[in-house]
C-alpha atoms as a PDB file:
ATOM      1  CA  MET A   1     -65.619 149.516  10.657  1.00  0.00           C
ATOM      2  CA  PRO A   2     -64.586 146.258   8.136  1.00  0.00           C
ATOM      3  CA  THR A   3     -67.031 143.385   8.956  1.00  0.00           C
ATOM      4  CA  ASP A   4     -65.812 140.012   9.849  1.00  0.00           C
ATOM      5  CA  ILE A   5     -66.347 137.741   6.723  1.00  0.00           C
ATOM      6  CA  THR A   6     -65.146 134.314   8.218  1.00  0.00           C
ATOM      7  CA  ASN A   7     -62.830 133.093  10.775  1.00  0.00           C
ATOM      8  CA  ASP A   8     -61.178 131.901   7.723  1.00  0.00           C
ATOM      9  CA  THR A   9     -60.546 134.635   5.386  1.00  0.00           C
ATOM     10  CA  GLY A  10     -58.913 132.591   2.803  1.00  0.00           C
ATOM     11  CA  ALA A  11     -61.962 130.361   2.406  1.00  0.00           C
ATOM     12  CA  CYS A  12     -63.769 133.247   1.252  1.00  0.00           C
ATOM     13  CA  ASP A  13     -60.797 134.453  -1.400  1.00  0.00           C
ATOM     14  CA  ALA A  14     -60.836 133.322  -5.344  1.00  0.00           C
ATOM     15  CA  ASP A  15     -58.513 130.420  -5.789  1.00  0.00           C
ATOM     16  CA  SER A  16     -55.134 131.842  -6.170  1.00  0.00           C
ATOM     17  CA  GLN A  17     -53.557 129.020  -8.779  1.00  0.00           C
ATOM     18  CA  PHE A  18     -56.269 130.007 -10.695  1.00  0.00           C
ATOM     19  CA  LEU A  19     -56.140 133.868 -11.088  1.00  0.00           C
ATOM     20  CA  ASN A  20     -52.136 133.393 -11.508  1.00  0.00           C
ATOM     21  CA  TYR A  21     -52.759 131.039 -14.602  1.00  0.00           C
ATOM     22  CA  LEU A  22     -55.443 133.549 -15.759  1.00  0.00           C
ATOM     23  CA  TYR A  23     -53.293 136.831 -15.731  1.00  0.00           C
ATOM     24  CA  ALA A  24     -50.494 134.897 -16.988  1.00  0.00           C
ATOM     25  CA  ILE A  25     -52.215 133.225 -20.056  1.00  0.00           C
ATOM     26  CA  THR A  26     -53.831 136.865 -20.686  1.00  0.00           C
ATOM     27  CA  TYR A  27     -50.997 138.838 -20.800  1.00  0.00           C
ATOM     28  CA  THR A  28     -49.102 136.522 -22.734  1.00  0.00           C
ATOM     29  CA  ILE A  29     -51.367 136.507 -25.540  1.00  0.00           C
ATOM     30  CA  ILE A  30     -51.918 140.212 -25.487  1.00  0.00           C
ATOM     31  CA  LEU A  31     -47.869 140.933 -25.322  1.00  0.00           C
ATOM     32  CA  VAL A  32     -46.941 140.032 -28.834  1.00  0.00           C
ATOM     33  CA  PRO A  33     -49.773 141.589 -30.704  1.00  0.00           C
ATOM     34  CA  GLY A  34     -50.036 144.313 -28.775  1.00  0.00           C
ATOM     35  CA  LEU A  35     -46.382 145.390 -28.734  1.00  0.00           C
ATOM     36  CA  ILE A  36     -46.062 144.979 -32.847  1.00  0.00           C
ATOM     37  CA  GLY A  37     -49.490 146.572 -33.117  1.00  0.00           C
ATOM     38  CA  ASN A  38     -48.616 149.563 -31.700  1.00  0.00           C
ATOM     39  CA  VAL A  39     -44.834 150.303 -32.659  1.00  0.00           C
ATOM     40  CA  LEU A  40     -46.613 150.221 -36.009  1.00  0.00           C
ATOM     41  CA  ALA A  41     -49.438 152.675 -34.886  1.00  0.00           C
ATOM     42  CA  LEU A  42     -46.862 154.814 -33.730  1.00  0.00           C
ATOM     43  CA  TRP A  43     -44.811 154.389 -36.941  1.00  0.00           C
ATOM     44  CA  VAL A  44     -48.206 155.176 -39.105  1.00  0.00           C
ATOM     45  CA  PHE A  45     -49.481 158.189 -37.270  1.00  0.00           C
ATOM     46  CA  TYR A  46     -46.148 159.635 -36.534  1.00  0.00           C
ATOM     47  CA  SER A  47     -46.334 160.261 -40.582  1.00  0.00           C
ATOM     48  CA  TYR A  48     -49.402 161.313 -40.710  1.00  0.00           C
ATOM     49  CA  ARG A  49     -49.231 163.568 -37.244  1.00  0.00           C
ATOM     50  CA  LYS A  50     -50.123 166.801 -38.795  1.00  0.00           C
ATOM     51  CA  GLU A  51     -53.774 165.387 -40.307  1.00  0.00           C
ATOM     52  CA  THR A  52     -56.406 166.669 -37.586  1.00  0.00           C
ATOM     53  CA  LYS A  53     -59.443 165.820 -39.394  1.00  0.00           C
ATOM     54  CA  ARG A  54     -58.807 162.261 -38.697  1.00  0.00           C
ATOM     55  CA  ALA A  55     -57.387 162.653 -34.753  1.00  0.00           C
ATOM     56  CA  VAL A  56     -54.187 161.143 -35.535  1.00  0.00           C
ATOM     57  CA  ILE A  57     -52.847 162.765 -32.646  1.00  0.00           C
ATOM     58  CA  PHE A  58     -55.499 161.425 -30.522  1.00  0.00           C
ATOM     59  CA  MET A  59     -54.740 158.338 -31.998  1.00  0.00           C
ATOM     60  CA  LEU A  60     -50.944 158.987 -31.586  1.00  0.00           C
ATOM     61  CA  ASN A  61     -51.435 159.326 -27.445  1.00  0.00           C
ATOM     62  CA  LEU A  62     -53.501 156.445 -27.585  1.00  0.00           C
ATOM     63  CA  ALA A  63     -50.963 154.017 -29.166  1.00  0.00           C
ATOM     64  CA  ILE A  64     -48.491 155.375 -26.415  1.00  0.00           C
ATOM     65  CA  ALA A  65     -50.683 154.427 -23.913  1.00  0.00           C
ATOM     66  CA  ASP A  66     -51.183 151.108 -25.082  1.00  0.00           C
ATOM     67  CA  LEU A  67     -47.458 150.452 -25.711  1.00  0.00           C
ATOM     68  CA  ALA A  68     -46.365 151.531 -21.969  1.00  0.00           C
ATOM     69  CA  GLN A  69     -48.849 148.829 -20.824  1.00  0.00           C
ATOM     70  CA  VAL A  70     -47.761 146.341 -22.901  1.00  0.00           C
ATOM     71  CA  LEU A  71     -44.054 147.141 -21.860  1.00  0.00           C
ATOM     72  CA  SER A  72     -44.936 146.273 -18.490  1.00  0.00           C
ATOM     73  CA  LEU A  73     -46.551 142.790 -19.004  1.00  0.00           C
ATOM     74  CA  PRO A  74     -43.550 140.667 -19.103  1.00  0.00           C
ATOM     75  CA  LEU A  75     -42.634 141.698 -15.802  1.00  0.00           C
ATOM     76  CA  ARG A  76     -46.290 140.660 -14.688  1.00  0.00           C
ATOM     77  CA  ILE A  77     -46.033 137.378 -16.517  1.00  0.00           C
ATOM     78  CA  PHE A  78     -42.995 136.782 -14.486  1.00  0.00           C
ATOM     79  CA  TYR A  79     -44.796 137.307 -11.198  1.00  0.00           C
ATOM     80  CA  TYR A  80     -47.814 135.040 -12.021  1.00  0.00           C
ATOM     81  CA  LEU A  81     -45.862 132.299 -13.356  1.00  0.00           C
ATOM     82  CA  ASN A  82     -43.388 132.623 -10.088  1.00  0.00           C
ATOM     83  CA  GLU A  83     -45.595 133.856  -7.379  1.00  0.00           C
ATOM     84  CA  SER A  84     -42.792 136.298  -6.325  1.00  0.00           C
ATOM     85  CA  TRP A  85     -41.569 139.801  -6.958  1.00  0.00           C
ATOM     86  CA  PRO A  86     -37.842 140.147  -6.870  1.00  0.00           C
ATOM     87  CA  PHE A  87     -38.040 143.895  -8.611  1.00  0.00           C
ATOM     88  CA  GLY A  88     -38.615 145.960  -5.499  1.00  0.00           C
ATOM     89  CA  ASN A  89     -41.653 147.968  -4.204  1.00  0.00           C
ATOM     90  CA  PHE A  90     -40.700 150.800  -6.106  1.00  0.00           C
ATOM     91  CA  LEU A  91     -41.087 148.968  -9.420  1.00  0.00           C
ATOM     92  CA  CYS A  92     -44.007 147.026  -8.212  1.00  0.00           C
ATOM     93  CA  MET A  93     -45.974 150.487  -7.468  1.00  0.00           C
ATOM     94  CA  PHE A  94     -45.272 151.605 -10.938  1.00  0.00           C
ATOM     95  CA  CYS A  95     -46.153 148.885 -12.963  1.00  0.00           C
ATOM     96  CA  PHE A  96     -49.216 148.507 -10.705  1.00  0.00           C
ATOM     97  CA  TYR A  97     -50.123 152.527 -11.596  1.00  0.00           C
ATOM     98  CA  LEU A  98     -49.065 152.153 -15.223  1.00  0.00           C
ATOM     99  CA  LYS A  99     -52.049 149.926 -15.688  1.00  0.00           C
ATOM    100  CA  TYR A 100     -54.668 152.142 -14.239  1.00  0.00           C
ATOM    101  CA  VAL A 101     -53.119 155.168 -16.150  1.00  0.00           C
ATOM    102  CA  ASN A 102     -53.466 152.839 -19.269  1.00  0.00           C
ATOM    103  CA  MET A 103     -56.984 152.201 -18.918  1.00  0.00           C
ATOM    104  CA  TYR A 104     -58.127 155.749 -18.137  1.00  0.00           C
ATOM    105  CA  ALA A 105     -55.762 157.427 -20.827  1.00  0.00           C
ATOM    106  CA  SER A 106     -56.991 154.654 -23.177  1.00  0.00           C
ATOM    107  CA  ILE A 107     -60.642 155.705 -22.289  1.00  0.00           C
ATOM    108  CA  PHE A 108     -59.884 159.286 -22.455  1.00  0.00           C
ATOM    109  CA  PHE A 109     -58.429 159.549 -25.817  1.00  0.00           C
ATOM    110  CA  LEU A 110     -61.362 157.283 -27.260  1.00  0.00           C
ATOM    111  CA  VAL A 111     -63.735 159.535 -26.334  1.00  0.00           C
ATOM    112  CA  CYS A 112     -61.439 162.609 -27.942  1.00  0.00           C
ATOM    113  CA  ILE A 113     -61.333 160.768 -31.257  1.00  0.00           C
ATOM    114  CA  SER A 114     -64.885 159.940 -31.160  1.00  0.00           C
ATOM    115  CA  VAL A 115     -65.653 163.630 -30.627  1.00  0.00           C
ATOM    116  CA  ARG A 116     -63.197 164.948 -33.056  1.00  0.00           C
ATOM    117  CA  ARG A 117     -64.759 162.997 -35.589  1.00  0.00           C
ATOM    118  CA  PHE A 118     -68.276 163.617 -34.862  1.00  0.00           C
ATOM    119  CA  LEU A 119     -67.317 167.550 -34.764  1.00  0.00           C
ATOM    120  CA  TYR A 120     -65.476 167.332 -38.181  1.00  0.00           C
ATOM    121  CA  VAL A 121     -68.645 165.916 -40.263  1.00  0.00           C
ATOM    122  CA  ILE A 122     -71.182 167.364 -37.974  1.00  0.00           C
ATOM    123  CA  TYR A 123     -69.679 170.701 -38.205  1.00  0.00           C
ATOM    124  CA  PRO A 124     -67.031 170.681 -40.951  1.00  0.00           C
ATOM    125  CA  PHE A 125     -67.192 174.864 -41.531  1.00  0.00           C
ATOM    126  CA  LYS A 126     -66.557 175.406 -37.750  1.00  0.00           C
ATOM    127  CA  PHE A 127     -63.969 173.333 -36.794  1.00  0.00           C
ATOM    128  CA  LYS A 128     -62.237 172.698 -40.412  1.00  0.00           C
ATOM    129  CA  ASP A 129     -59.347 175.447 -39.148  1.00  0.00           C
ATOM    130  CA  THR A 130     -58.665 173.579 -36.329  1.00  0.00           C
ATOM    131  CA  LYS A 131     -54.789 173.673 -35.692  1.00  0.00           C
ATOM    132  CA  ARG A 132     -52.552 170.553 -34.852  1.00  0.00           C
ATOM    133  CA  THR A 133     -51.184 172.371 -31.599  1.00  0.00           C
ATOM    134  CA  PHE A 134     -54.864 172.399 -30.390  1.00  0.00           C
ATOM    135  CA  ASP A 135     -55.485 168.732 -30.171  1.00  0.00           C
ATOM    136  CA  VAL A 136     -51.630 168.495 -28.606  1.00  0.00           C
ATOM    137  CA  TYR A 137     -52.613 170.816 -25.607  1.00  0.00           C
ATOM    138  CA  ILE A 138     -55.739 168.967 -25.063  1.00  0.00           C
ATOM    139  CA  SER A 139     -53.364 165.793 -24.697  1.00  0.00           C
ATOM    140  CA  ILE A 140     -51.133 167.333 -22.259  1.00  0.00           C
ATOM    141  CA  VAL A 141     -54.218 168.251 -20.141  1.00  0.00           C
ATOM    142  CA  GLY A 142     -55.130 164.864 -20.448  1.00  0.00           C
ATOM    143  CA  TRP A 143     -52.584 162.796 -19.377  1.00  0.00           C
ATOM    144  CA  ILE A 144     -51.899 165.496 -16.707  1.00  0.00           C
ATOM    145  CA  ALA A 145     -55.822 164.865 -15.145  1.00  0.00           C
ATOM    146  CA  VAL A 146     -55.283 160.874 -15.945  1.00  0.00           C
ATOM    147  CA  CYS A 147     -52.126 160.633 -14.098  1.00  0.00           C
ATOM    148  CA  LEU A 148     -53.278 162.695 -10.974  1.00  0.00           C
ATOM    149  CA  SER A 149     -56.882 160.965 -11.314  1.00  0.00           C
ATOM    150  CA  CYS A 150     -54.926 157.378 -10.978  1.00  0.00           C
ATOM    151  CA  LEU A 151     -52.622 158.271  -8.221  1.00  0.00           C
ATOM    152  CA  PRO A 152     -55.152 156.569  -5.754  1.00  0.00           C
ATOM    153  CA  PHE A 153     -54.905 153.220  -6.805  1.00  0.00           C
ATOM    154  CA  PRO A 154     -51.464 152.750  -5.713  1.00  0.00           C
ATOM    155  CA  LEU A 155     -51.518 154.980  -2.800  1.00  0.00           C
ATOM    156  CA  LEU A 156     -54.039 152.642  -1.242  1.00  0.00           C
ATOM    157  CA  ARG A 157     -51.941 149.860  -2.198  1.00  0.00           C
ATOM    158  CA  ILE A 158     -48.626 150.932  -1.106  1.00  0.00           C
ATOM    159  CA  ASN A 159     -47.223 147.966   1.131  1.00  0.00           C
ATOM    160  CA  ASN A 160     -45.112 148.678   4.411  1.00  0.00           C
ATOM    161  CA  ASN A 161     -45.449 145.133   5.778  1.00  0.00           C
ATOM    162  CA  THR A 162     -41.909 143.861   5.595  1.00  0.00           C
ATOM    163  CA  THR A 163     -43.379 140.075   5.898  1.00  0.00           C
ATOM    164  CA  THR A 164     -45.321 140.590   2.130  1.00  0.00           C
ATOM    165  CA  ASN A 165     -42.469 142.316   0.383  1.00  0.00           C
ATOM    166  CA  ASP A 166     -42.549 139.986  -2.657  1.00  0.00           C
ATOM    167  CA  LYS A 167     -45.809 140.245  -3.501  1.00  0.00           C
ATOM    168  CA  CYS A 168     -47.399 142.590  -6.067  1.00  0.00           C
ATOM    169  CA  PHE A 169     -50.204 143.622  -8.075  1.00  0.00           C
ATOM    170  CA  VAL A 170     -53.879 141.989  -6.981  1.00  0.00           C
ATOM    171  CA  ASP A 171     -51.704 140.530  -3.748  1.00  0.00           C
ATOM    172  CA  LEU A 172     -51.450 144.118  -2.134  1.00  0.00           C
ATOM    173  CA  PRO A 173     -53.668 144.614   0.924  1.00  0.00           C
ATOM    174  CA  LEU A 174     -55.764 147.260   0.268  1.00  0.00           C
ATOM    175  CA  ARG A 175     -55.789 150.159   3.167  1.00  0.00           C
ATOM    176  CA  ASP A 176     -58.982 150.424   5.017  1.00  0.00           C
ATOM    177  CA  ILE A 177     -60.581 153.910   4.695  1.00  0.00           C
ATOM    178  CA  GLY A 178     -63.585 153.422   6.025  1.00  0.00           C
ATOM    179  CA  LYS A 179     -67.059 152.591   4.100  1.00  0.00           C
ATOM    180  CA  SER A 180     -68.010 156.243   3.495  1.00  0.00           C
ATOM    181  CA  ASN A 181     -64.885 157.102   2.264  1.00  0.00           C
ATOM    182  CA  ALA A 182     -65.070 153.849  -0.325  1.00  0.00           C
ATOM    183  CA  ILE A 183     -68.536 154.836  -1.445  1.00  0.00           C
ATOM    184  CA  ILE A 184     -67.405 158.527  -2.099  1.00  0.00           C
ATOM    185  CA  THR A 185     -64.204 157.157  -4.000  1.00  0.00           C
ATOM    186  CA  MET A 186     -65.844 154.675  -6.249  1.00  0.00           C
ATOM    187  CA  THR A 187     -68.670 156.644  -7.043  1.00  0.00           C
ATOM    188  CA  LEU A 188     -66.055 159.806  -8.619  1.00  0.00           C
ATOM    189  CA  ALA A 189     -63.917 156.940 -10.427  1.00  0.00           C
ATOM    190  CA  GLU A 190     -67.383 155.357 -11.609  1.00  0.00           C
ATOM    191  CA  PHE A 191     -68.764 158.529 -12.720  1.00  0.00           C
ATOM    192  CA  PHE A 192     -66.012 160.624 -14.307  1.00  0.00           C
ATOM    193  CA  GLY A 193     -64.096 157.421 -15.312  1.00  0.00           C
ATOM    194  CA  PHE A 194     -66.829 155.392 -17.147  1.00  0.00           C
ATOM    195  CA  VAL A 195     -69.967 156.786 -17.053  1.00  0.00           C
ATOM    196  CA  THR A 196     -69.477 160.241 -18.717  1.00  0.00           C
ATOM    197  CA  PRO A 197     -67.075 159.223 -21.318  1.00  0.00           C
ATOM    198  CA  LEU A 198     -69.531 156.749 -22.152  1.00  0.00           C
ATOM    199  CA  LEU A 199     -72.471 158.990 -22.332  1.00  0.00           C
ATOM    200  CA  ILE A 200     -70.592 161.003 -24.564  1.00  0.00           C
ATOM    201  CA  VAL A 201     -69.371 158.244 -27.088  1.00  0.00           C
ATOM    202  CA  VAL A 202     -73.074 157.235 -27.086  1.00  0.00           C
ATOM    203  CA  TYR A 203     -74.255 160.811 -27.949  1.00  0.00           C
ATOM    204  CA  CYS A 204     -71.580 161.050 -30.890  1.00  0.00           C
ATOM    205  CA  SER A 205     -73.067 157.794 -32.084  1.00  0.00           C
ATOM    206  CA  TRP A 206     -76.569 159.026 -31.914  1.00  0.00           C
ATOM    207  CA  LYS A 207     -76.127 162.135 -33.527  1.00  0.00           C
ATOM    208  CA  THR A 208     -73.894 160.683 -36.100  1.00  0.00           C
ATOM    209  CA  ILE A 209     -76.744 158.282 -37.278  1.00  0.00           C
ATOM    210  CA  ILE A 210     -79.169 160.841 -37.447  1.00  0.00           C
ATOM    211  CA  SER A 211     -77.044 163.174 -39.466  1.00  0.00           C
ATOM    212  CA  LEU A 212     -76.825 159.998 -41.739  1.00  0.00           C
ATOM    213  CA  LYS A 213     -80.868 160.127 -42.441  1.00  0.00           C
ATOM    214  CA  GLU A 214     -80.674 163.916 -43.291  1.00  0.00           C
ATOM    215  CA  PRO A 215     -81.817 164.044 -47.154  1.00  0.00           C
ATOM    216  CA  ASN A 216     -79.630 167.109 -47.754  1.00  0.00           C
ATOM    217  CA  SER A 217     -76.268 165.389 -47.224  1.00  0.00           C
ATOM    218  CA  ALA A 218     -74.495 165.302 -50.231  1.00  0.00           C
ATOM    219  CA  SER A 219     -72.799 161.825 -51.360  1.00  0.00           C
ATOM    220  CA  HIS A 220     -69.334 162.802 -50.274  1.00  0.00           C
ATOM    221  CA  ASP A 221     -70.377 164.090 -47.028  1.00  0.00           C
ATOM    222  CA  LEU A 222     -72.318 160.888 -46.654  1.00  0.00           C
ATOM    223  CA  GLY A 223     -69.116 158.892 -47.461  1.00  0.00           C
ATOM    224  CA  GLU A 224     -67.180 161.059 -44.580  1.00  0.00           C
ATOM    225  CA  LYS A 225     -70.105 160.543 -42.312  1.00  0.00           C
ATOM    226  CA  LYS A 226     -70.265 156.718 -42.762  1.00  0.00           C
ATOM    227  CA  LYS A 227     -66.626 156.740 -41.744  1.00  0.00           C
ATOM    228  CA  ALA A 228     -66.859 158.924 -39.061  1.00  0.00           C
ATOM    229  CA  LEU A 229     -69.885 156.440 -37.741  1.00  0.00           C
ATOM    230  CA  LYS A 230     -67.930 153.474 -38.001  1.00  0.00           C
ATOM    231  CA  MET A 231     -65.255 154.689 -36.121  1.00  0.00           C
ATOM    232  CA  ILE A 232     -67.149 156.167 -33.527  1.00  0.00           C
ATOM    233  CA  LEU A 233     -69.272 152.956 -33.167  1.00  0.00           C
ATOM    234  CA  THR A 234     -65.964 150.723 -32.549  1.00  0.00           C
ATOM    235  CA  CYS A 235     -64.912 153.024 -29.853  1.00  0.00           C
ATOM    236  CA  ALA A 236     -68.394 152.524 -28.540  1.00  0.00           C
ATOM    237  CA  ILE A 237     -67.912 148.647 -28.845  1.00  0.00           C
ATOM    238  CA  VAL A 238     -64.415 148.694 -26.968  1.00  0.00           C
ATOM    239  CA  PHE A 239     -66.078 150.633 -24.173  1.00  0.00           C
ATOM    240  CA  LEU A 240     -68.636 147.580 -23.754  1.00  0.00           C
ATOM    241  CA  ILE A 241     -66.254 144.644 -24.534  1.00  0.00           C
ATOM    242  CA  CYS A 242     -63.210 146.043 -22.388  1.00  0.00           C
ATOM    243  CA  PHE A 243     -64.191 148.606 -20.102  1.00  0.00           C
ATOM    244  CA  ALA A 244     -67.874 147.952 -19.174  1.00  0.00           C
ATOM    245  CA  PRO A 245     -67.772 144.800 -17.333  1.00  0.00           C
ATOM    246  CA  TYR A 246     -64.541 146.368 -15.117  1.00  0.00           C
ATOM    247  CA  HIS A 247     -66.844 149.085 -14.023  1.00  0.00           C
ATOM    248  CA  LEU A 248     -69.823 147.078 -13.116  1.00  0.00           C
ATOM    249  CA  SER A 249     -67.686 144.356 -11.247  1.00  0.00           C
ATOM    250  CA  PHE A 250     -65.172 147.003  -9.884  1.00  0.00           C
ATOM    251  CA  PRO A 251     -67.652 148.663  -6.753  1.00  0.00           C
ATOM    252  CA  LEU A 252     -68.064 145.198  -5.837  1.00  0.00           C
ATOM    253  CA  HIS A 253     -64.591 144.240  -5.667  1.00  0.00           C
ATOM    254  CA  PHE A 254     -63.680 147.322  -4.050  1.00  0.00           C
ATOM    255  CA  LEU A 255     -66.264 146.372  -1.297  1.00  0.00           C
ATOM    256  CA  ALA A 256     -65.040 142.944  -0.985  1.00  0.00           C
ATOM    257  CA  LYS A 257     -60.978 143.466  -0.688  1.00  0.00           C
ATOM    258  CA  ALA A 258     -61.950 146.229   2.034  1.00  0.00           C
ATOM    259  CA  ASN A 259     -63.875 143.651   3.794  1.00  0.00           C
ATOM    260  CA  GLN A 260     -67.210 145.337   3.553  1.00  0.00           C
ATOM    261  CA  LEU A 261     -68.990 142.185   2.321  1.00  0.00           C
ATOM    262  CA  SER A 262     -70.749 139.752   5.225  1.00  0.00           C
ATOM    263  CA  SER A 263     -71.565 136.813   2.285  1.00  0.00           C
ATOM    264  CA  CYS A 264     -68.869 134.746   2.259  1.00  0.00           C
ATOM    265  CA  SER A 265     -70.076 132.881  -0.839  1.00  0.00           C
ATOM    266  CA  ARG A 266     -70.655 136.790  -2.630  1.00  0.00           C
ATOM    267  CA  ARG A 267     -67.016 137.630  -2.043  1.00  0.00           C
ATOM    268  CA  LYS A 268     -65.361 134.549  -3.183  1.00  0.00           C
ATOM    269  CA  ALA A 269     -67.779 134.967  -6.528  1.00  0.00           C
ATOM    270  CA  ILE A 270     -66.755 138.641  -6.695  1.00  0.00           C
ATOM    271  CA  LEU A 271     -63.169 138.265  -6.140  1.00  0.00           C
ATOM    272  CA  THR A 272     -63.171 135.327  -9.059  1.00  0.00           C
ATOM    273  CA  LEU A 273     -65.345 137.519 -11.735  1.00  0.00           C
ATOM    274  CA  HIS A 274     -63.219 140.902 -11.423  1.00  0.00           C
ATOM    275  CA  PRO A 275     -59.915 139.759 -12.313  1.00  0.00           C
ATOM    276  CA  VAL A 276     -61.330 138.251 -15.620  1.00  0.00           C
ATOM    277  CA  THR A 277     -63.275 141.621 -16.112  1.00  0.00           C
ATOM    278  CA  LEU A 278     -59.615 142.903 -15.725  1.00  0.00           C
ATOM    279  CA  CYS A 279     -58.010 141.202 -18.474  1.00  0.00           C
ATOM    280  CA  LEU A 280     -60.636 141.889 -20.490  1.00  0.00           C
ATOM    281  CA  ALA A 281     -59.988 145.665 -19.774  1.00  0.00           C
ATOM    282  CA  SER A 282     -56.241 144.702 -20.749  1.00  0.00           C
ATOM    283  CA  MET A 283     -57.525 143.375 -24.416  1.00  0.00           C
ATOM    284  CA  ASN A 284     -57.834 147.103 -25.467  1.00  0.00           C
ATOM    285  CA  SER A 285     -53.961 147.091 -25.769  1.00  0.00           C
ATOM    286  CA  CYS A 286     -54.221 144.759 -28.318  1.00  0.00           C
ATOM    287  CA  LEU A 287     -58.030 145.686 -30.083  1.00  0.00           C
ATOM    288  CA  ASP A 288     -56.950 149.412 -30.273  1.00  0.00           C
ATOM    289  CA  PRO A 289     -54.698 148.512 -33.522  1.00  0.00           C
ATOM    290  CA  VAL A 290     -56.909 146.284 -35.034  1.00  0.00           C
ATOM    291  CA  ILE A 291     -59.467 149.384 -34.934  1.00  0.00           C
ATOM    292  CA  TYR A 292     -56.798 151.555 -36.154  1.00  0.00           C
ATOM    293  CA  TYR A 293     -56.504 149.243 -39.750  1.00  0.00           C
ATOM    294  CA  PHE A 294     -60.383 148.952 -40.327  1.00  0.00           C
ATOM    295  CA  THR A 295     -61.620 152.719 -39.501  1.00  0.00           C
ATOM    296  CA  THR A 296     -58.439 154.880 -40.860  1.00  0.00           C
ATOM    297  CA  ASP A 297     -57.544 155.068 -44.291  1.00  0.00           C
ATOM    298  CA  GLU A 298     -53.875 156.136 -43.299  1.00  0.00           C
ATOM    299  CA  PHE A 299     -53.329 153.110 -41.339  1.00  0.00           C
ATOM    300  CA  LYS A 300     -54.325 150.706 -44.710  1.00  0.00           C
ATOM    301  CA  ARG A 301     -52.900 153.032 -47.134  1.00  0.00           C
ATOM    302  CA  ARG A 302     -49.386 152.932 -45.314  1.00  0.00           C
ATOM    303  CA  LEU A 303     -49.179 149.782 -44.571  1.00  0.00           C
ATOM    304  CA  SER A 304     -50.522 148.646 -48.352  1.00  0.00           C
ATOM    305  CA  ARG A 305     -47.688 146.797 -50.102  1.00  0.00           C
ATOM    306  CA  GLN A 306     -47.765 149.528 -53.211  1.00  0.00           C
ATOM    307  CA  ASP A 307     -46.676 152.046 -50.176  1.00  0.00           C
ATOM    308  CA  ILE A 308     -44.161 150.379 -48.969  1.00  0.00           C
ATOM    309  CA  GLN A 309     -42.877 149.632 -52.175  1.00  0.00           C
ATOM    310  CA  ASP A 310     -42.781 153.208 -53.187  1.00  0.00           C
ATOM    311  CA  ASN A 311     -41.260 154.067 -49.867  1.00  0.00           C
ATOM    312  CA  MET A 312     -38.197 151.536 -50.543  1.00  0.00           C
ATOM    313  CA  GLU A 313     -37.783 152.598 -54.203  1.00  0.00           C
ATOM    314  CA  LEU A 314     -37.789 156.238 -52.955  1.00  0.00           C
ATOM    315  CA  GLN A 315     -35.259 155.697 -50.390  1.00  0.00           C
ATOM    316  CA  ILE A 316     -33.046 153.508 -52.875  1.00  0.00           C
ATOM    317  CA  TYR A 317     -33.074 156.588 -55.211  1.00  0.00           C
ATOM    318  CA  CYS A 318     -32.381 158.862 -52.156  1.00  0.00           C
ATOM    319  CA  ASN A 319     -29.141 156.651 -51.626  1.00  0.00           C
ATOM    320  CA  LYS A 320     -28.124 156.406 -54.941  1.00  0.00           C
ATOM    321  CA  ALA A 321     -28.383 160.234 -55.576  1.00  0.00           C
ATOM    322  CA  LEU A 322     -26.558 160.624 -52.594  1.00  0.00           C
ATOM    323  CA  VAL A 323     -23.945 158.470 -53.420  1.00  0.00           C
ATOM    324  CA  LYS A 324     -23.578 159.759 -57.047  1.00  0.00           C
ATOM    325  CA  LYS A 325     -23.273 163.265 -55.420  1.00  0.00           C
ATOM    326  CA  ASN A 326     -20.238 162.456 -53.236  1.00  0.00           C
ATOM    327  CA  SER A 327     -18.699 160.523 -55.912  1.00  0.00           C
ATOM    328  CA  ILE A 328     -17.963 163.673 -58.060  1.00  0.00           C
ATOM    329  CA  PRO A 329     -14.897 165.646 -57.278  1.00  0.00           C
ATOM    330  CA  GLU A 330     -14.785 169.140 -56.102  1.00  0.00           C
ATOM    331  CA  LEU A 331     -13.029 171.597 -58.587  1.00  0.00           C
END
C-alpha cells in the first residue's frame, strides 16, 4: 500500500507555476525548428528512400515520429499557459500517449540507424545486397512494438474522475498498482526501452572505432568508416543528452507519483527534477534534423543551393516542354 507522505500532500509537490512555465517555454522553443526541420527531413529522405546504405528508411521513420510529436505541441502549450484542458479526455490521452510513442520510436530508430551504418561498414560484402523492403519490414515491426509497449503509460493515467476533467498530462493522477508491480513495470521499461538500446549503440561505436585502427583498411573504406562513426557517435550523444537523464529519474518519479516515498523533501525534489529531464527528452524532435544535416551527405546535397537551383531549372525546362507540346496542333 502507498505510504502517507504528509498530511498536506501539496507541500511535497513541485511548484506547479514553475512547471507550467517550464513546459510552455520548452515546447514553444521546440515547435518552429522542429516543424521546419522534420518537414525538410521528410522531403529530403523521401527523395533518397531507395538508398539503403545510409539507413534512409530509418531516418524517414525517425522524422515521422518527431513530426508527430511536434504537431501535438500547440495543444500542450495551450494547456500549460491556460492550466485547463477543454478538448476532451480522448484527445488528452492520445497526446499523452503520443509523447511516449515518439520517445521510444526515436530510440528504436536511432538504434536501427546505428546498426545499419555499422553493418554496412564492417561487413560491406555481406550486407551490400540488402533490399529496401527489409528496412521497411523492420520499421513496421518497430512501430507495432513501440505502440503496444507504450500503452501502459496512458492506461495508468486514465482519468475517470469527473471533478478533474479539465486536467491533462502531468496533472493526471497515477493509478495505484502496488509497489511490486510498479518495480516490475519500471524494470522492464528501463531495460528494454533504454539500457539495451544504449548498449547496442555503444557496441556499434566501439567496434567501428576498432575498425578504424586496422592497418589494412583502404582509404575509401577509411572515409566510409569515419562517416559511419560520426553518425553512430551522434546517435549516442542524443541518447546521453535527451534520454539518459529522463530514464535515470523515471524510476524515482514513478515511485513519487505513486506515493511510495516517505521523505517529503525527496519527493518534492524528484517531482521538480523529472519535468526538466522530460523537456530534455522532448528536445530530440529538433535535434534530430541537426544530426541529419551534419552527418548525412544526402541531406546537405539536397539542401545545397546548387541542388535547389538544378531542380528549379529542371522544373522550368519540363514546364516549357509541356507548354510547347500542347501548343503544337494535331494533324
